[in-house]
C-alpha atoms as a PDB file:
ATOM      1  CA  MET A   1       6.779 -28.234  29.131  1.00  0.00           C
ATOM      2  CA  GLN A   2       9.663 -29.315  31.361  1.00  0.00           C
ATOM      3  CA  PRO A   3       9.593 -28.051  34.983  1.00  0.00           C
ATOM      4  CA  GLY A   4      12.812 -26.138  34.435  1.00  0.00           C
ATOM      5  CA  GLN A   5      11.273 -24.165  31.615  1.00  0.00           C
ATOM      6  CA  MET A   6       8.261 -22.892  33.544  1.00  0.00           C
ATOM      7  CA  ALA A   7       9.943 -19.645  34.641  1.00  0.00           C
ATOM      8  CA  TYR A   8      10.652 -18.645  31.053  1.00  0.00           C
ATOM      9  CA  ASP A   9       7.034 -18.360  29.887  1.00  0.00           C
ATOM     10  CA  ARG A  10       6.123 -15.701  32.472  1.00  0.00           C
ATOM     11  CA  GLY A  11       7.503 -12.687  30.594  1.00  0.00           C
ATOM     12  CA  ILE A  12       7.586 -11.924  26.912  1.00  0.00           C
ATOM     13  CA  THR A  13      11.100 -10.453  27.088  1.00  0.00           C
ATOM     14  CA  VAL A  14      12.771 -13.472  28.708  1.00  0.00           C
ATOM     15  CA  PHE A  15      14.583 -15.974  26.499  1.00  0.00           C
ATOM     16  CA  SER A  16      14.794 -19.578  27.641  1.00  0.00           C
ATOM     17  CA  PRO A  17      18.284 -21.130  27.815  1.00  0.00           C
ATOM     18  CA  ASP A  18      17.728 -22.715  24.389  1.00  0.00           C
ATOM     19  CA  GLY A  19      16.839 -19.355  22.811  1.00  0.00           C
ATOM     20  CA  ARG A  20      13.036 -19.568  22.715  1.00  0.00           C
ATOM     21  CA  LEU A  21      10.368 -16.992  23.497  1.00  0.00           C
ATOM     22  CA  PHE A  22       7.533 -19.128  24.804  1.00  0.00           C
ATOM     23  CA  GLN A  23       4.875 -16.394  24.593  1.00  0.00           C
ATOM     24  CA  VAL A  24       5.534 -16.067  20.851  1.00  0.00           C
ATOM     25  CA  GLU A  25       5.228 -19.820  20.452  1.00  0.00           C
ATOM     26  CA  TYR A  26       1.940 -19.770  22.363  1.00  0.00           C
ATOM     27  CA  ALA A  27       0.696 -17.045  20.002  1.00  0.00           C
ATOM     28  CA  ARG A  28       1.507 -19.316  17.070  1.00  0.00           C
ATOM     29  CA  GLU A  29      -0.620 -22.011  18.699  1.00  0.00           C
ATOM     30  CA  ALA A  30      -3.540 -19.557  18.734  1.00  0.00           C
ATOM     31  CA  VAL A  31      -3.077 -19.145  14.976  1.00  0.00           C
ATOM     32  CA  LYS A  32      -3.082 -22.915  14.467  1.00  0.00           C
ATOM     33  CA  ARG A  33      -6.489 -23.086  16.158  1.00  0.00           C
ATOM     34  CA  GLY A  34      -7.931 -20.354  13.927  1.00  0.00           C
ATOM     35  CA  THR A  35     -10.125 -20.768  10.856  1.00  0.00           C
ATOM     36  CA  THR A  36      -8.612 -22.217   7.694  1.00  0.00           C
ATOM     37  CA  THR A  37      -7.428 -19.426   5.382  1.00  0.00           C
ATOM     38  CA  ILE A  38      -5.927 -20.023   1.912  1.00  0.00           C
ATOM     39  CA  GLY A  39      -4.032 -17.694  -0.414  1.00  0.00           C
ATOM     40  CA  ILE A  40      -3.175 -18.593  -4.027  1.00  0.00           C
ATOM     41  CA  LYS A  41      -1.416 -16.623  -6.752  1.00  0.00           C
ATOM     42  CA  PHE A  42      -2.569 -17.175 -10.332  1.00  0.00           C
ATOM     43  CA  LYS A  43      -1.533 -15.784 -13.703  1.00  0.00           C
ATOM     44  CA  ASP A  44      -2.544 -12.152 -13.195  1.00  0.00           C
ATOM     45  CA  GLY A  45      -3.724 -11.943  -9.601  1.00  0.00           C
ATOM     46  CA  VAL A  46      -4.106 -13.356  -6.099  1.00  0.00           C
ATOM     47  CA  MET A  47      -7.114 -14.859  -4.325  1.00  0.00           C
ATOM     48  CA  LEU A  48      -7.927 -15.411  -0.647  1.00  0.00           C
ATOM     49  CA  ILE A  49     -10.363 -18.136   0.446  1.00  0.00           C
ATOM     50  CA  VAL A  50     -11.618 -18.318   4.031  1.00  0.00           C
ATOM     51  CA  ASP A  51     -13.778 -20.777   5.957  1.00  0.00           C
ATOM     52  CA  LYS A  52     -16.781 -18.727   7.096  1.00  0.00           C
ATOM     53  CA  ARG A  53     -18.998 -21.349   8.721  1.00  0.00           C
ATOM     54  CA  VAL A  54     -21.035 -20.053  11.650  1.00  0.00           C
ATOM     55  CA  SER A  55     -21.327 -21.924  14.937  1.00  0.00           C
ATOM     56  CA  SER A  56     -25.027 -21.208  15.442  1.00  0.00           C
ATOM     57  CA  ARG A  57     -27.998 -20.602  13.168  1.00  0.00           C
ATOM     58  CA  LEU A  58     -28.815 -17.607  15.395  1.00  0.00           C
ATOM     59  CA  VAL A  59     -25.705 -15.745  14.224  1.00  0.00           C
ATOM     60  CA  GLU A  60     -26.117 -13.185  11.443  1.00  0.00           C
ATOM     61  CA  PRO A  61     -23.595 -14.403   8.805  1.00  0.00           C
ATOM     62  CA  GLU A  62     -23.052 -10.839   7.493  1.00  0.00           C
ATOM     63  CA  SER A  63     -21.691  -9.811  10.901  1.00  0.00           C
ATOM     64  CA  ILE A  64     -18.712 -12.172  10.592  1.00  0.00           C
ATOM     65  CA  GLU A  65     -15.881 -10.563   8.644  1.00  0.00           C
ATOM     66  CA  LYS A  66     -12.959 -12.759   7.639  1.00  0.00           C
ATOM     67  CA  ILE A  67     -11.530 -10.803   4.701  1.00  0.00           C
ATOM     68  CA  TYR A  68     -10.642  -7.120   5.051  1.00  0.00           C
ATOM     69  CA  ASP A  69      -9.929  -4.301   2.609  1.00  0.00           C
ATOM     70  CA  ILE A  70      -6.734  -2.443   3.516  1.00  0.00           C
ATOM     71  CA  ASP A  71      -6.394  -0.211   0.453  1.00  0.00           C
ATOM     72  CA  ASP A  72      -7.922  -0.130  -3.012  1.00  0.00           C
ATOM     73  CA  TYR A  73      -5.459  -2.745  -4.277  1.00  0.00           C
ATOM     74  CA  ILE A  74      -4.594  -4.594  -1.047  1.00  0.00           C
ATOM     75  CA  GLY A  75      -6.671  -6.948   1.076  1.00  0.00           C
ATOM     76  CA  CYS A  76      -5.990  -9.511   3.775  1.00  0.00           C
ATOM     77  CA  ALA A  77      -7.444 -12.569   5.458  1.00  0.00           C
ATOM     78  CA  THR A  78      -6.719 -13.542   9.050  1.00  0.00           C
ATOM     79  CA  SER A  79      -6.556 -16.590  11.287  1.00  0.00           C
ATOM     80  CA  GLY A  80      -6.337 -16.534  15.069  1.00  0.00           C
ATOM     81  CA  LEU A  81      -7.796 -14.104  17.596  1.00  0.00           C
ATOM     82  CA  VAL A  82     -10.364 -11.927  15.821  1.00  0.00           C
ATOM     83  CA  ALA A  83      -9.888  -8.915  18.124  1.00  0.00           C
ATOM     84  CA  ASP A  84      -6.119  -8.955  17.539  1.00  0.00           C
ATOM     85  CA  ALA A  85      -6.714  -9.156  13.794  1.00  0.00           C
ATOM     86  CA  ARG A  86      -8.912  -6.052  13.905  1.00  0.00           C
ATOM     87  CA  ILE A  87      -6.139  -4.024  15.571  1.00  0.00           C
ATOM     88  CA  LEU A  88      -3.563  -5.078  12.960  1.00  0.00           C
ATOM     89  CA  VAL A  89      -5.964  -4.364  10.091  1.00  0.00           C
ATOM     90  CA  ASP A  90      -6.640  -0.885  11.495  1.00  0.00           C
ATOM     91  CA  GLN A  91      -2.885  -0.292  11.768  1.00  0.00           C
ATOM     92  CA  ALA A  92      -2.363  -1.443   8.171  1.00  0.00           C
ATOM     93  CA  ARG A  93      -5.124   0.860   6.924  1.00  0.00           C
ATOM     94  CA  LYS A  94      -3.581   3.774   8.798  1.00  0.00           C
ATOM     95  CA  GLU A  95      -0.135   3.109   7.292  1.00  0.00           C
ATOM     96  CA  ALA A  96      -1.636   2.907   3.793  1.00  0.00           C
ATOM     97  CA  GLN A  97      -3.513   6.199   4.188  1.00  0.00           C
ATOM     98  CA  VAL A  98      -0.513   8.036   5.677  1.00  0.00           C
ATOM     99  CA  HIS A  99       1.626   6.891   2.758  1.00  0.00           C
ATOM    100  CA  ARG A 100      -0.990   8.073   0.244  1.00  0.00           C
ATOM    101  CA  VAL A 101      -1.269  11.503   1.887  1.00  0.00           C
ATOM    102  CA  ASN A 102       2.508  11.942   2.080  1.00  0.00           C
ATOM    103  CA  TYR A 103       3.472  10.635  -1.357  1.00  0.00           C
ATOM    104  CA  GLY A 104       0.299  10.804  -3.447  1.00  0.00           C
ATOM    105  CA  GLU A 105       0.463   7.137  -4.469  1.00  0.00           C
ATOM    106  CA  ASN A 106      -0.638   3.721  -3.289  1.00  0.00           C
ATOM    107  CA  MET A 107       1.679   1.936  -0.879  1.00  0.00           C
ATOM    108  CA  ALA A 108       3.651  -1.046  -2.191  1.00  0.00           C
ATOM    109  CA  VAL A 109       2.395  -4.371  -0.860  1.00  0.00           C
ATOM    110  CA  GLU A 110       5.747  -5.480   0.559  1.00  0.00           C
ATOM    111  CA  MET A 111       6.325  -2.113   2.250  1.00  0.00           C
ATOM    112  CA  LEU A 112       2.903  -2.254   3.895  1.00  0.00           C
ATOM    113  CA  THR A 113       3.467  -5.833   5.073  1.00  0.00           C
ATOM    114  CA  LYS A 114       6.814  -4.874   6.609  1.00  0.00           C
ATOM    115  CA  LYS A 115       5.166  -1.972   8.464  1.00  0.00           C
ATOM    116  CA  VAL A 116       2.590  -4.358   9.947  1.00  0.00           C
ATOM    117  CA  CYS A 117       5.319  -6.837  10.898  1.00  0.00           C
ATOM    118  CA  ASP A 118       7.379  -4.061  12.548  1.00  0.00           C
ATOM    119  CA  TYR A 119       4.306  -3.244  14.647  1.00  0.00           C
ATOM    120  CA  GLU A 120       3.936  -6.919  15.612  1.00  0.00           C
ATOM    121  CA  GLN A 121       7.628  -7.253  16.429  1.00  0.00           C
ATOM    122  CA  ASN A 122       7.380  -4.386  18.935  1.00  0.00           C
ATOM    123  CA  TYR A 123       4.961  -6.523  20.936  1.00  0.00           C
ATOM    124  CA  THR A 124       7.606  -9.231  21.372  1.00  0.00           C
ATOM    125  CA  GLN A 125      10.211  -6.851  22.753  1.00  0.00           C
ATOM    126  CA  TYR A 126       8.708  -4.932  25.662  1.00  0.00           C
ATOM    127  CA  GLY A 127       7.333  -5.953  29.048  1.00  0.00           C
ATOM    128  CA  GLY A 128       3.683  -5.523  29.940  1.00  0.00           C
ATOM    129  CA  VAL A 129       2.381  -6.552  26.529  1.00  0.00           C
ATOM    130  CA  ARG A 130       1.759  -9.824  24.732  1.00  0.00           C
ATOM    131  CA  PRO A 131       2.255 -10.884  21.093  1.00  0.00           C
ATOM    132  CA  PHE A 132      -0.656 -10.692  18.671  1.00  0.00           C
ATOM    133  CA  GLY A 133      -2.249 -14.126  18.452  1.00  0.00           C
ATOM    134  CA  VAL A 134      -3.029 -13.808  14.767  1.00  0.00           C
ATOM    135  CA  ALA A 135      -1.435 -14.389  11.368  1.00  0.00           C
ATOM    136  CA  LEU A 136      -2.345 -12.550   8.170  1.00  0.00           C
ATOM    137  CA  LEU A 137      -2.320 -13.471   4.501  1.00  0.00           C
ATOM    138  CA  ILE A 138      -1.900 -10.153   2.663  1.00  0.00           C
ATOM    139  CA  ALA A 139      -2.725 -10.075  -1.062  1.00  0.00           C
ATOM    140  CA  GLY A 140      -2.238  -7.085  -3.299  1.00  0.00           C
ATOM    141  CA  SER A 141      -1.201  -5.567  -6.599  1.00  0.00           C
ATOM    142  CA  ASP A 142       1.291  -2.761  -7.244  1.00  0.00           C
ATOM    143  CA  ASP A 143       3.752  -1.550  -9.891  1.00  0.00           C
ATOM    144  CA  LEU A 144       5.945  -4.612  -9.307  1.00  0.00           C
ATOM    145  CA  GLY A 145       3.126  -7.109  -9.917  1.00  0.00           C
ATOM    146  CA  THR A 146       0.907  -9.179  -7.641  1.00  0.00           C
ATOM    147  CA  HIS A 147       1.998 -10.409  -4.220  1.00  0.00           C
ATOM    148  CA  LEU A 148       1.010 -12.810  -1.453  1.00  0.00           C
ATOM    149  CA  PHE A 149       2.639 -12.432   1.984  1.00  0.00           C
ATOM    150  CA  GLU A 150       2.162 -14.355   5.213  1.00  0.00           C
ATOM    151  CA  THR A 151       2.869 -12.685   8.557  1.00  0.00           C
ATOM    152  CA  ASP A 152       3.720 -14.352  11.848  1.00  0.00           C
ATOM    153  CA  PRO A 153       3.116 -13.321  15.502  1.00  0.00           C
ATOM    154  CA  SER A 154       6.877 -12.827  15.849  1.00  0.00           C
ATOM    155  CA  GLY A 155       6.832 -10.140  13.145  1.00  0.00           C
ATOM    156  CA  ALA A 156       8.378 -12.314  10.435  1.00  0.00           C
ATOM    157  CA  LEU A 157       7.038 -12.309   6.883  1.00  0.00           C
ATOM    158  CA  VAL A 158       7.394 -14.684   3.947  1.00  0.00           C
ATOM    159  CA  ALA A 159       6.294 -14.283   0.319  1.00  0.00           C
ATOM    160  CA  TYR A 160       4.404 -17.280  -1.073  1.00  0.00           C
ATOM    161  CA  LYS A 161       2.991 -18.525  -4.353  1.00  0.00           C
ATOM    162  CA  ALA A 162       0.334 -20.346  -2.323  1.00  0.00           C
ATOM    163  CA  SER A 163      -0.085 -20.747   1.418  1.00  0.00           C
ATOM    164  CA  CYS A 164      -2.506 -21.599   4.200  1.00  0.00           C
ATOM    165  CA  ILE A 165      -2.864 -20.597   7.848  1.00  0.00           C
ATOM    166  CA  GLY A 166      -5.196 -21.938  10.508  1.00  0.00           C
ATOM    167  CA  ILE A 167      -6.393 -25.306  11.693  1.00  0.00           C
ATOM    168  CA  GLY A 168      -6.471 -26.935   8.248  1.00  0.00           C
ATOM    169  CA  ARG A 169      -2.939 -25.913   7.226  1.00  0.00           C
ATOM    170  CA  ALA A 170      -1.434 -29.418   7.038  1.00  0.00           C
ATOM    171  CA  THR A 171      -4.172 -30.789   4.775  1.00  0.00           C
ATOM    172  CA  VAL A 172      -4.256 -27.753   2.497  1.00  0.00           C
ATOM    173  CA  MET A 173      -0.475 -27.411   2.151  1.00  0.00           C
ATOM    174  CA  GLU A 174      -0.182 -31.082   1.189  1.00  0.00           C
ATOM    175  CA  LYS A 175      -2.710 -30.550  -1.608  1.00  0.00           C
ATOM    176  CA  LEU A 176      -1.113 -27.283  -2.761  1.00  0.00           C
ATOM    177  CA  GLU A 177       2.352 -28.849  -2.848  1.00  0.00           C
ATOM    178  CA  LYS A 178       1.065 -31.575  -5.180  1.00  0.00           C
ATOM    179  CA  GLU A 179      -1.202 -29.587  -7.484  1.00  0.00           C
ATOM    180  CA  TYR A 180      -0.062 -25.954  -7.596  1.00  0.00           C
ATOM    181  CA  LYS A 181       1.520 -24.779 -10.846  1.00  0.00           C
ATOM    182  CA  ASP A 182       3.002 -21.426 -11.820  1.00  0.00           C
ATOM    183  CA  ASP A 183       0.831 -19.151 -13.994  1.00  0.00           C
ATOM    184  CA  MET A 184      -2.371 -21.056 -13.299  1.00  0.00           C
ATOM    185  CA  SER A 185      -5.531 -19.586 -14.759  1.00  0.00           C
ATOM    186  CA  TYR A 186      -8.035 -17.937 -12.439  1.00  0.00           C
ATOM    187  CA  ASP A 187     -10.567 -20.767 -12.821  1.00  0.00           C
ATOM    188  CA  THR A 188      -7.978 -23.482 -12.184  1.00  0.00           C
ATOM    189  CA  ALA A 189      -6.588 -21.703  -9.105  1.00  0.00           C
ATOM    190  CA  LEU A 190     -10.065 -21.111  -7.681  1.00  0.00           C
ATOM    191  CA  LYS A 191     -11.014 -24.744  -8.221  1.00  0.00           C
ATOM    192  CA  LEU A 192      -7.797 -25.882  -6.497  1.00  0.00           C
ATOM    193  CA  GLY A 193      -8.419 -23.555  -3.552  1.00  0.00           C
ATOM    194  CA  LEU A 194     -12.020 -24.639  -3.072  1.00  0.00           C
ATOM    195  CA  ASN A 195     -11.133 -28.335  -3.324  1.00  0.00           C
ATOM    196  CA  ALA A 196      -8.377 -27.812  -0.737  1.00  0.00           C
ATOM    197  CA  MET A 197     -10.820 -25.997   1.534  1.00  0.00           C
ATOM    198  CA  ALA A 198     -13.393 -28.788   1.188  1.00  0.00           C
ATOM    199  CA  ALA A 199     -10.704 -31.345   2.108  1.00  0.00           C
ATOM    200  CA  ALA A 200      -9.684 -29.301   5.157  1.00  0.00           C
ATOM    201  CA  ILE A 201     -13.150 -28.743   6.621  1.00  0.00           C
ATOM    202  CA  GLU A 202     -14.411 -32.196   5.536  1.00  0.00           C
ATOM    203  CA  GLU A 203     -17.772 -30.803   4.519  1.00  0.00           C
ATOM    204  CA  LYS A 204     -19.575 -30.036   1.301  1.00  0.00           C
ATOM    205  CA  LEU A 205     -19.045 -26.407   0.354  1.00  0.00           C
ATOM    206  CA  VAL A 206     -21.960 -23.989   0.167  1.00  0.00           C
ATOM    207  CA  PRO A 207     -21.732 -20.286  -0.766  1.00  0.00           C
ATOM    208  CA  ALA A 208     -22.492 -19.147   2.792  1.00  0.00           C
ATOM    209  CA  SER A 209     -19.659 -21.229   4.282  1.00  0.00           C
ATOM    210  CA  ILE A 210     -16.797 -19.531   2.443  1.00  0.00           C
ATOM    211  CA  GLU A 211     -15.618 -16.031   1.614  1.00  0.00           C
ATOM    212  CA  VAL A 212     -13.426 -15.276  -1.404  1.00  0.00           C
ATOM    213  CA  GLY A 213     -11.387 -12.118  -1.945  1.00  0.00           C
ATOM    214  CA  LEU A 214      -9.698 -11.336  -5.245  1.00  0.00           C
ATOM    215  CA  VAL A 215      -7.226  -8.811  -6.615  1.00  0.00           C
ATOM    216  CA  ARG A 216      -5.931  -8.701 -10.189  1.00  0.00           C
ATOM    217  CA  LYS A 217      -3.233  -6.548 -11.706  1.00  0.00           C
ATOM    218  CA  ASP A 218      -4.632  -3.023 -12.225  1.00  0.00           C
ATOM    219  CA  GLU A 219      -7.984  -4.041 -10.699  1.00  0.00           C
ATOM    220  CA  LYS A 220      -9.231  -3.170  -7.221  1.00  0.00           C
ATOM    221  CA  PHE A 221      -9.534  -5.731  -4.441  1.00  0.00           C
ATOM    222  CA  ARG A 222     -13.043  -7.177  -4.208  1.00  0.00           C
ATOM    223  CA  ARG A 223     -15.045 -10.077  -2.809  1.00  0.00           C
ATOM    224  CA  LEU A 224     -17.029 -12.586  -4.830  1.00  0.00           C
ATOM    225  CA  ASP A 225     -20.771 -12.229  -4.312  1.00  0.00           C
ATOM    226  CA  GLU A 226     -23.115 -15.100  -3.476  1.00  0.00           C
ATOM    227  CA  ASN A 227     -24.058 -15.761  -7.118  1.00  0.00           C
ATOM    228  CA  GLU A 228     -20.420 -15.952  -8.240  1.00  0.00           C
ATOM    229  CA  LYS A 229     -19.581 -18.363  -5.408  1.00  0.00           C
ATOM    230  CA  ALA A 230     -22.612 -20.519  -6.171  1.00  0.00           C
ATOM    231  CA  LYS A 231     -21.646 -20.860  -9.864  1.00  0.00           C
ATOM    232  CA  VAL A 232     -18.097 -21.913  -9.008  1.00  0.00           C
ATOM    233  CA  ILE A 233     -19.167 -24.417  -6.334  1.00  0.00           C
ATOM    234  CA  ALA A 234     -21.705 -25.928  -8.755  1.00  0.00           C
ATOM    235  CA  LYS A 235     -18.840 -26.714 -11.174  1.00  0.00           C
ATOM    236  CA  LEU A 236     -16.773 -28.609  -8.597  1.00  0.00           C
END
């Protein structure tokens, strides 16, 4: 950073002369250092694949949660600061439940994502707070079909056919750009996602090192169990 810019990264509400909010950009850097997280749409659903390797054999793998249920038909995966992710997931769950109580129906995926992004945007606008250092891939199914959204620490959101956040983004996005096709089958999409993950982490995949979440049209969000992951990895 140039010496003249130093004063502009002290407060979240201060724009630099060239129109940048440095604290938001620093939050994006926290996301880039997070675990590799992939989202892929296929013919009748969306899947989330997350790197779940543990740093020590003393850690209980079940205690590490990378994919979260938000509602029956909506789930998300995160990359960045884990504590920040937990707060946003709790907020998303609250919004989904309030909507269900008020209207007697499940919340639309895009509406829920916008609510989460509005909450994030508030933390870029007021003094005494900092942006959330986390990005989310939100996958879900509603009356309009299946959806995959990516959120940003600034509160922006983008809908994707396939995307990646975290430290392996460049490698994964290069592979997705080359090989992704519309209306892929579930098996083809899962194989593409796992191959992209293996390329990003540069290790042989094992069931314990990844977590896979899945939602299909008119089916509830769920995670693949160890046996299902083992069968898929064996086919690669």
